[in-house]
Amino acid sequence: MDIKRVKDSIYWLYYQYLLITCSYVLEPWERSMFHTITVTVFAMVVYTAYVFVPIHVRLAFEFFSQIFGGQPESTVSIVN
């Protein structure tokens, strides 16, 4: 894939983003503020998913393993 096609496809994706969010009608300073807020919110969502989703998956796994007959951790013996 040559560089021109990659550049054109990235430009096309950015143009689609501008059209979907209707930010192409904003003034440059408004567009800058809009992009800053959008990137900040996206970063917070990714961080929250990275930190809290594994904890909730582990807790859900423990909950459902107790419901469906798994042994509690205190009764599992360690065998060498």
PDB file of N, CA and C in Angstrom:
ATOM      1  N   MET A   1       0.849  -1.168   0.000  1.00  0.00           N
ATOM      2  CA  MET A   1       0.000   0.000   0.000  1.00  0.00           C
ATOM      3  C   MET A   1       0.898   1.236   0.000  1.00  0.00           C
ATOM      4  N   ASP A   2       0.692   2.093  -0.942  1.00  0.00           N
ATOM      5  CA  ASP A   2       1.555   3.264  -1.017  1.00  0.00           C
ATOM      6  C   ASP A   2       1.076   4.361  -0.052  1.00  0.00           C
ATOM      7  N   ILE A   3       1.940   5.312   0.170  1.00  0.00           N
ATOM      8  CA  ILE A   3       1.697   6.355   1.166  1.00  0.00           C
ATOM      9  C   ILE A   3       0.530   7.250   0.762  1.00  0.00           C
ATOM     10  N   LYS A   4       0.371   7.516  -0.504  1.00  0.00           N
ATOM     11  CA  LYS A   4      -0.709   8.389  -0.957  1.00  0.00           C
ATOM     12  C   LYS A   4      -2.076   7.783  -0.644  1.00  0.00           C
ATOM     13  N   ARG A   5      -2.222   6.466  -0.845  1.00  0.00           N
ATOM     14  CA  ARG A   5      -3.497   5.819  -0.536  1.00  0.00           C
ATOM     15  C   ARG A   5      -3.776   5.850   0.958  1.00  0.00           C
ATOM     16  N   VAL A   6      -2.757   5.639   1.778  1.00  0.00           N
ATOM     17  CA  VAL A   6      -2.924   5.690   3.223  1.00  0.00           C
ATOM     18  C   VAL A   6      -3.317   7.095   3.654  1.00  0.00           C
ATOM     19  N   LYS A   7      -2.635   8.080   3.110  1.00  0.00           N
ATOM     20  CA  LYS A   7      -2.941   9.475   3.437  1.00  0.00           C
ATOM     21  C   LYS A   7      -4.364   9.815   3.016  1.00  0.00           C
ATOM     22  N   ASP A   8      -4.774   9.390   1.827  1.00  0.00           N
ATOM     23  CA  ASP A   8      -6.130   9.664   1.358  1.00  0.00           C
ATOM     24  C   ASP A   8      -7.182   8.963   2.217  1.00  0.00           C
ATOM     25  N   SER A   9      -6.902   7.743   2.638  1.00  0.00           N
ATOM     26  CA  SER A   9      -7.879   7.037   3.460  1.00  0.00           C
ATOM     27  C   SER A   9      -8.001   7.657   4.846  1.00  0.00           C
ATOM     28  N   ILE A  10      -6.880   8.119   5.409  1.00  0.00           N
ATOM     29  CA  ILE A  10      -6.937   8.805   6.704  1.00  0.00           C
ATOM     30  C   ILE A  10      -7.689  10.122   6.563  1.00  0.00           C
ATOM     31  N   TYR A  11      -7.436  10.850   5.495  1.00  0.00           N
ATOM     32  CA  TYR A  11      -8.160  12.087   5.260  1.00  0.00           C
ATOM     33  C   TYR A  11      -9.650  11.814   5.092  1.00  0.00           C
ATOM     34  N   TRP A  12     -10.000  10.748   4.374  1.00  0.00           N
ATOM     35  CA  TRP A  12     -11.398  10.404   4.171  1.00  0.00           C
ATOM     36  C   TRP A  12     -12.079  10.052   5.502  1.00  0.00           C
ATOM     37  N   LEU A  13     -11.390   9.292   6.378  1.00  0.00           N
ATOM     38  CA  LEU A  13     -11.947   8.955   7.685  1.00  0.00           C
ATOM     39  C   LEU A  13     -12.144  10.200   8.545  1.00  0.00           C
ATOM     40  N   TYR A  14     -11.176  11.111   8.499  1.00  0.00           N
ATOM     41  CA  TYR A  14     -11.306  12.361   9.248  1.00  0.00           C
ATOM     42  C   TYR A  14     -12.462  13.190   8.708  1.00  0.00           C
ATOM     43  N   TYR A  15     -12.631  13.232   7.408  1.00  0.00           N
ATOM     44  CA  TYR A  15     -13.744  13.965   6.800  1.00  0.00           C
ATOM     45  C   TYR A  15     -15.071  13.344   7.201  1.00  0.00           C
ATOM     46  N   GLN A  16     -15.147  12.024   7.261  1.00  0.00           N
ATOM     47  CA  GLN A  16     -16.366  11.358   7.713  1.00  0.00           C
ATOM     48  C   GLN A  16     -16.658  11.709   9.169  1.00  0.00           C
ATOM     49  N   TYR A  17     -15.611  11.765   9.993  1.00  0.00           N
ATOM     50  CA  TYR A  17     -15.774  12.165  11.394  1.00  0.00           C
ATOM     51  C   TYR A  17     -16.328  13.586  11.487  1.00  0.00           C
ATOM     52  N   LEU A  18     -15.807  14.497  10.668  1.00  0.00           N
ATOM     53  CA  LEU A  18     -16.309  15.873  10.669  1.00  0.00           C
ATOM     54  C   LEU A  18     -17.767  15.928  10.241  1.00  0.00           C
ATOM     55  N   LEU A  19     -18.143  15.126   9.269  1.00  0.00           N
ATOM     56  CA  LEU A  19     -19.523  15.128   8.796  1.00  0.00           C
ATOM     57  C   LEU A  19     -20.473  14.516   9.823  1.00  0.00           C
ATOM     58  N   ILE A  20     -20.072  13.423  10.438  1.00  0.00           N
ATOM     59  CA  ILE A  20     -20.948  12.752  11.402  1.00  0.00           C
ATOM     60  C   ILE A  20     -21.172  13.619  12.632  1.00  0.00           C
ATOM     61  N   THR A  21     -20.130  14.272  13.113  1.00  0.00           N
ATOM     62  CA  THR A  21     -20.259  15.097  14.314  1.00  0.00           C
ATOM     63  C   THR A  21     -20.707  16.523  14.005  1.00  0.00           C
ATOM     64  N   CYS A  22     -20.840  16.849  12.744  1.00  0.00           N
ATOM     65  CA  CYS A  22     -21.230  18.203  12.299  1.00  0.00           C
ATOM     66  C   CYS A  22     -20.256  19.267  12.794  1.00  0.00           C
ATOM     67  N   SER A  23     -19.023  18.895  13.038  1.00  0.00           N
ATOM     68  CA  SER A  23     -18.054  19.863  13.524  1.00  0.00           C
ATOM     69  C   SER A  23     -17.389  20.647  12.393  1.00  0.00           C
ATOM     70  N   TYR A  24     -17.715  20.327  11.139  1.00  0.00           N
ATOM     71  CA  TYR A  24     -17.151  21.084  10.024  1.00  0.00           C
ATOM     72  C   TYR A  24     -17.744  22.482   9.942  1.00  0.00           C
ATOM     73  N   VAL A  25     -18.882  22.724  10.622  1.00  0.00           N
ATOM     74  CA  VAL A  25     -19.501  24.053  10.588  1.00  0.00           C
ATOM     75  C   VAL A  25     -19.005  24.947  11.723  1.00  0.00           C
ATOM     76  N   LEU A  26     -18.177  24.399  12.608  1.00  0.00           N
ATOM     77  CA  LEU A  26     -17.685  25.183  13.735  1.00  0.00           C
ATOM     78  C   LEU A  26     -16.504  26.042  13.312  1.00  0.00           C
ATOM     79  N   GLU A  27     -16.314  27.112  14.069  1.00  0.00           N
ATOM     80  CA  GLU A  27     -15.132  27.934  13.862  1.00  0.00           C
ATOM     81  C   GLU A  27     -13.919  27.170  14.381  1.00  0.00           C
ATOM     82  N   PRO A  28     -12.717  27.580  13.964  1.00  0.00           N
ATOM     83  CA  PRO A  28     -11.523  26.819  14.376  1.00  0.00           C
ATOM     84  C   PRO A  28     -11.356  26.687  15.893  1.00  0.00           C
ATOM     85  N   TRP A  29     -11.611  27.751  16.649  1.00  0.00           N
ATOM     86  CA  TRP A  29     -11.452  27.639  18.096  1.00  0.00           C
ATOM     87  C   TRP A  29     -12.533  26.746  18.700  1.00  0.00           C
ATOM     88  N   GLU A  30     -13.743  26.766  18.144  1.00  0.00           N
ATOM     89  CA  GLU A  30     -14.801  25.888  18.627  1.00  0.00           C
ATOM     90  C   GLU A  30     -14.490  24.427  18.290  1.00  0.00           C
ATOM     91  N   ARG A  31     -13.959  24.213  17.100  1.00  0.00           N
ATOM     92  CA  ARG A  31     -13.585  22.860  16.698  1.00  0.00           C
ATOM     93  C   ARG A  31     -12.485  22.318  17.599  1.00  0.00           C
ATOM     94  N   SER A  32     -11.534  23.168  17.958  1.00  0.00           N
ATOM     95  CA  SER A  32     -10.458  22.754  18.850  1.00  0.00           C
ATOM     96  C   SER A  32     -11.002  22.355  20.220  1.00  0.00           C
ATOM     97  N   MET A  33     -11.911  23.148  20.753  1.00  0.00           N
ATOM     98  CA  MET A  33     -12.531  22.829  22.040  1.00  0.00           C
ATOM     99  C   MET A  33     -13.341  21.532  21.946  1.00  0.00           C
ATOM    100  N   PHE A  34     -14.080  21.374  20.859  1.00  0.00           N
ATOM    101  CA  PHE A  34     -14.886  20.171  20.669  1.00  0.00           C
ATOM    102  C   PHE A  34     -14.009  18.926  20.607  1.00  0.00           C
ATOM    103  N   HIS A  35     -12.910  18.994  19.849  1.00  0.00           N
ATOM    104  CA  HIS A  35     -12.006  17.851  19.746  1.00  0.00           C
ATOM    105  C   HIS A  35     -11.341  17.549  21.085  1.00  0.00           C
ATOM    106  N   THR A  36     -10.982  18.598  21.826  1.00  0.00           N
ATOM    107  CA  THR A  36     -10.356  18.398  23.131  1.00  0.00           C
ATOM    108  C   THR A  36     -11.306  17.687  24.081  1.00  0.00           C
ATOM    109  N   ILE A  37     -12.551  18.120  24.125  1.00  0.00           N
ATOM    110  CA  ILE A  37     -13.534  17.488  24.995  1.00  0.00           C
ATOM    111  C   ILE A  37     -13.807  16.055  24.552  1.00  0.00           C
ATOM    112  N   THR A  38     -13.921  15.838  23.252  1.00  0.00           N
ATOM    113  CA  THR A  38     -14.177  14.495  22.734  1.00  0.00           C
ATOM    114  C   THR A  38     -13.041  13.541  23.072  1.00  0.00           C
ATOM    115  N   VAL A  39     -11.814  13.975  22.872  1.00  0.00           N
ATOM    116  CA  VAL A  39     -10.658  13.122  23.177  1.00  0.00           C
ATOM    117  C   VAL A  39     -10.572  12.864  24.673  1.00  0.00           C
ATOM    118  N   THR A  40     -10.867  13.861  25.497  1.00  0.00           N
ATOM    119  CA  THR A  40     -10.821  13.693  26.948  1.00  0.00           C
ATOM    120  C   THR A  40     -11.856  12.680  27.417  1.00  0.00           C
ATOM    121  N   VAL A  41     -13.080  12.790  26.912  1.00  0.00           N
ATOM    122  CA  VAL A  41     -14.129  11.845  27.292  1.00  0.00           C
ATOM    123  C   VAL A  41     -13.770  10.434  26.822  1.00  0.00           C
ATOM    124  N   PHE A  42     -13.272  10.305  25.607  1.00  0.00           N
ATOM    125  CA  PHE A  42     -12.873   8.989  25.101  1.00  0.00           C
ATOM    126  C   PHE A  42     -11.755   8.396  25.955  1.00  0.00           C
ATOM    127  N   ALA A  43     -10.779   9.212  26.350  1.00  0.00           N
ATOM    128  CA  ALA A  43      -9.678   8.727  27.184  1.00  0.00           C
ATOM    129  C   ALA A  43     -10.192   8.276  28.556  1.00  0.00           C
ATOM    130  N   MET A  44     -11.141   9.007  29.123  1.00  0.00           N
ATOM    131  CA  MET A  44     -11.698   8.607  30.413  1.00  0.00           C
ATOM    132  C   MET A  44     -12.464   7.294  30.310  1.00  0.00           C
ATOM    133  N   VAL A  45     -13.189   7.093  29.219  1.00  0.00           N
ATOM    134  CA  VAL A  45     -13.922   5.839  29.023  1.00  0.00           C
ATOM    135  C   VAL A  45     -12.950   4.667  28.874  1.00  0.00           C
ATOM    136  N   VAL A  46     -11.900   4.851  28.107  1.00  0.00           N
ATOM    137  CA  VAL A  46     -10.911   3.780  27.929  1.00  0.00           C
ATOM    138  C   VAL A  46     -10.214   3.473  29.247  1.00  0.00           C
ATOM    139  N   TYR A  47      -9.844   4.490  29.996  1.00  0.00           N
ATOM    140  CA  TYR A  47      -9.184   4.276  31.291  1.00  0.00           C
ATOM    141  C   TYR A  47     -10.113   3.543  32.252  1.00  0.00           C
ATOM    142  N   THR A  48     -11.372   3.966  32.310  1.00  0.00           N
ATOM    143  CA  THR A  48     -12.328   3.323  33.203  1.00  0.00           C
ATOM    144  C   THR A  48     -12.531   1.864  32.815  1.00  0.00           C
ATOM    145  N   ALA A  49     -12.635   1.591  31.532  1.00  0.00           N
ATOM    146  CA  ALA A  49     -12.786   0.211  31.085  1.00  0.00           C
ATOM    147  C   ALA A  49     -11.553  -0.604  31.432  1.00  0.00           C
ATOM    148  N   TYR A  50     -10.377  -0.027  31.275  1.00  0.00           N
ATOM    149  CA  TYR A  50      -9.129  -0.736  31.565  1.00  0.00           C
ATOM    150  C   TYR A  50      -9.000  -1.053  33.053  1.00  0.00           C
ATOM    151  N   VAL A  51      -9.445  -0.144  33.910  1.00  0.00           N
ATOM    152  CA  VAL A  51      -9.263  -0.328  35.343  1.00  0.00           C
ATOM    153  C   VAL A  51     -10.383  -1.171  35.956  1.00  0.00           C
ATOM    154  N   PHE A  52     -11.632  -0.887  35.611  1.00  0.00           N
ATOM    155  CA  PHE A  52     -12.740  -1.475  36.340  1.00  0.00           C
ATOM    156  C   PHE A  52     -13.362  -2.709  35.703  1.00  0.00           C
ATOM    157  N   VAL A  53     -13.265  -2.884  34.413  1.00  0.00           N
ATOM    158  CA  VAL A  53     -13.888  -4.057  33.779  1.00  0.00           C
ATOM    159  C   VAL A  53     -13.246  -5.365  34.253  1.00  0.00           C
ATOM    160  N   PRO A  54     -11.924  -5.484  34.339  1.00  0.00           N
ATOM    161  CA  PRO A  54     -11.363  -6.755  34.841  1.00  0.00           C
ATOM    162  C   PRO A  54     -11.816  -7.096  36.262  1.00  0.00           C
ATOM    163  N   ILE A  55     -11.967  -6.093  37.112  1.00  0.00           N
ATOM    164  CA  ILE A  55     -12.426  -6.328  38.479  1.00  0.00           C
ATOM    165  C   ILE A  55     -13.843  -6.878  38.460  1.00  0.00           C
ATOM    166  N   HIS A  56     -14.715  -6.277  37.657  1.00  0.00           N
ATOM    167  CA  HIS A  56     -16.101  -6.735  37.602  1.00  0.00           C
ATOM    168  C   HIS A  56     -16.216  -8.113  36.955  1.00  0.00           C
ATOM    169  N   VAL A  57     -15.383  -8.402  35.982  1.00  0.00           N
ATOM    170  CA  VAL A  57     -15.395  -9.738  35.374  1.00  0.00           C
ATOM    171  C   VAL A  57     -14.968 -10.781  36.392  1.00  0.00           C
ATOM    172  N   ARG A  58     -13.934 -10.483  37.173  1.00  0.00           N
ATOM    173  CA  ARG A  58     -13.483 -11.420  38.201  1.00  0.00           C
ATOM    174  C   ARG A  58     -14.573 -11.652  39.245  1.00  0.00           C
ATOM    175  N   LEU A  59     -15.223 -10.573  39.700  1.00  0.00           N
ATOM    176  CA  LEU A  59     -16.280 -10.717  40.691  1.00  0.00           C
ATOM    177  C   LEU A  59     -17.466 -11.497  40.128  1.00  0.00           C
ATOM    178  N   ALA A  60     -17.824 -11.247  38.880  1.00  0.00           N
ATOM    179  CA  ALA A  60     -18.916 -11.993  38.260  1.00  0.00           C
ATOM    180  C   ALA A  60     -18.547 -13.466  38.129  1.00  0.00           C
ATOM    181  N   PHE A  61     -17.303 -13.764  37.769  1.00  0.00           N
ATOM    182  CA  PHE A  61     -16.851 -15.154  37.664  1.00  0.00           C
ATOM    183  C   PHE A  61     -16.938 -15.851  39.018  1.00  0.00           C
ATOM    184  N   GLU A  62     -16.490 -15.181  40.082  1.00  0.00           N
ATOM    185  CA  GLU A  62     -16.573 -15.768  41.419  1.00  0.00           C
ATOM    186  C   GLU A  62     -18.019 -15.987  41.821  1.00  0.00           C
ATOM    187  N   PHE A  63     -18.895 -15.037  41.541  1.00  0.00           N
ATOM    188  CA  PHE A  63     -20.304 -15.151  41.891  1.00  0.00           C
ATOM    189  C   PHE A  63     -20.945 -16.335  41.181  1.00  0.00           C
ATOM    190  N   PHE A  64     -20.745 -16.437  39.869  1.00  0.00           N
ATOM    191  CA  PHE A  64     -21.376 -17.513  39.119  1.00  0.00           C
ATOM    192  C   PHE A  64     -20.726 -18.868  39.399  1.00  0.00           C
ATOM    193  N   SER A  65     -19.459 -18.893  39.753  1.00  0.00           N
ATOM    194  CA  SER A  65     -18.840 -20.170  40.103  1.00  0.00           C
ATOM    195  C   SER A  65     -19.388 -20.678  41.431  1.00  0.00           C
ATOM    196  N   GLN A  66     -19.746 -19.800  42.353  1.00  0.00           N
ATOM    197  CA  GLN A  66     -20.366 -20.228  43.605  1.00  0.00           C
ATOM    198  C   GLN A  66     -21.789 -20.718  43.362  1.00  0.00           C
ATOM    199  N   ILE A  67     -22.502 -20.077  42.452  1.00  0.00           N
ATOM    200  CA  ILE A  67     -23.881 -20.483  42.170  1.00  0.00           C
ATOM    201  C   ILE A  67     -23.915 -21.854  41.511  1.00  0.00           C
ATOM    202  N   PHE A  68     -23.036 -22.094  40.566  1.00  0.00           N
ATOM    203  CA  PHE A  68     -23.083 -23.326  39.786  1.00  0.00           C
ATOM    204  C   PHE A  68     -22.188 -24.430  40.340  1.00  0.00           C
ATOM    205  N   GLY A  69     -21.943 -24.417  41.644  1.00  0.00           N
ATOM    206  CA  GLY A  69     -21.304 -25.553  42.289  1.00  0.00           C
ATOM    207  C   GLY A  69     -19.801 -25.518  42.394  1.00  0.00           C
ATOM    208  N   GLY A  70     -19.187 -24.407  42.191  1.00  0.00           N
ATOM    209  CA  GLY A  70     -17.741 -24.333  42.370  1.00  0.00           C
ATOM    210  C   GLY A  70     -17.412 -24.346  43.854  1.00  0.00           C
ATOM    211  N   GLN A  71     -16.233 -24.848  44.196  1.00  0.00           N
ATOM    212  CA  GLN A  71     -15.829 -24.869  45.589  1.00  0.00           C
ATOM    213  C   GLN A  71     -15.337 -23.493  46.004  1.00  0.00           C
ATOM    214  N   PRO A  72     -15.679 -23.061  47.213  1.00  0.00           N
ATOM    215  CA  PRO A  72     -15.114 -21.803  47.708  1.00  0.00           C
ATOM    216  C   PRO A  72     -13.598 -21.923  47.854  1.00  0.00           C
ATOM    217  N   GLU A  73     -12.924 -20.821  47.781  1.00  0.00           N
ATOM    218  CA  GLU A  73     -11.461 -20.844  47.833  1.00  0.00           C
ATOM    219  C   GLU A  73     -10.924 -21.377  49.154  1.00  0.00           C
ATOM    220  N   SER A  74     -11.673 -21.226  50.254  1.00  0.00           N
ATOM    221  CA  SER A  74     -11.172 -21.651  51.547  1.00  0.00           C
ATOM    222  C   SER A  74     -11.150 -23.172  51.675  1.00  0.00           C
ATOM    223  N   THR A  75     -11.929 -23.917  50.871  1.00  0.00           N
ATOM    224  CA  THR A  75     -11.961 -25.367  50.981  1.00  0.00           C
ATOM    225  C   THR A  75     -11.055 -26.062  49.972  1.00  0.00           C
ATOM    226  N   VAL A  76     -10.428 -25.313  49.101  1.00  0.00           N
ATOM    227  CA  VAL A  76      -9.548 -25.919  48.100  1.00  0.00           C
ATOM    228  C   VAL A  76      -8.208 -26.203  48.759  1.00  0.00           C
ATOM    229  N   SER A  77      -7.759 -27.439  48.651  1.00  0.00           N
ATOM    230  CA  SER A  77      -6.465 -27.781  49.264  1.00  0.00           C
ATOM    231  C   SER A  77      -5.354 -27.646  48.228  1.00  0.00           C
ATOM    232  N   ILE A  78      -4.203 -27.269  48.709  1.00  0.00           N
ATOM    233  CA  ILE A  78      -3.046 -27.131  47.838  1.00  0.00           C
ATOM    234  C   ILE A  78      -2.257 -28.423  47.881  1.00  0.00           C
ATOM    235  N   VAL A  79      -2.060 -29.026  46.721  1.00  0.00           N
ATOM    236  CA  VAL A  79      -1.340 -30.279  46.637  1.00  0.00           C
ATOM    237  C   VAL A  79      -0.018 -30.036  45.917  1.00  0.00           C
ATOM    238  N   ASN A  80       1.073 -30.426  46.523  1.00  0.00           N
ATOM    239  CA  ASN A  80       2.396 -30.280  45.905  1.00  0.00           C
ATOM    240  C   ASN A  80       2.734 -31.473  45.071  1.00  0.00           C
TER     241      ASN A  80
END
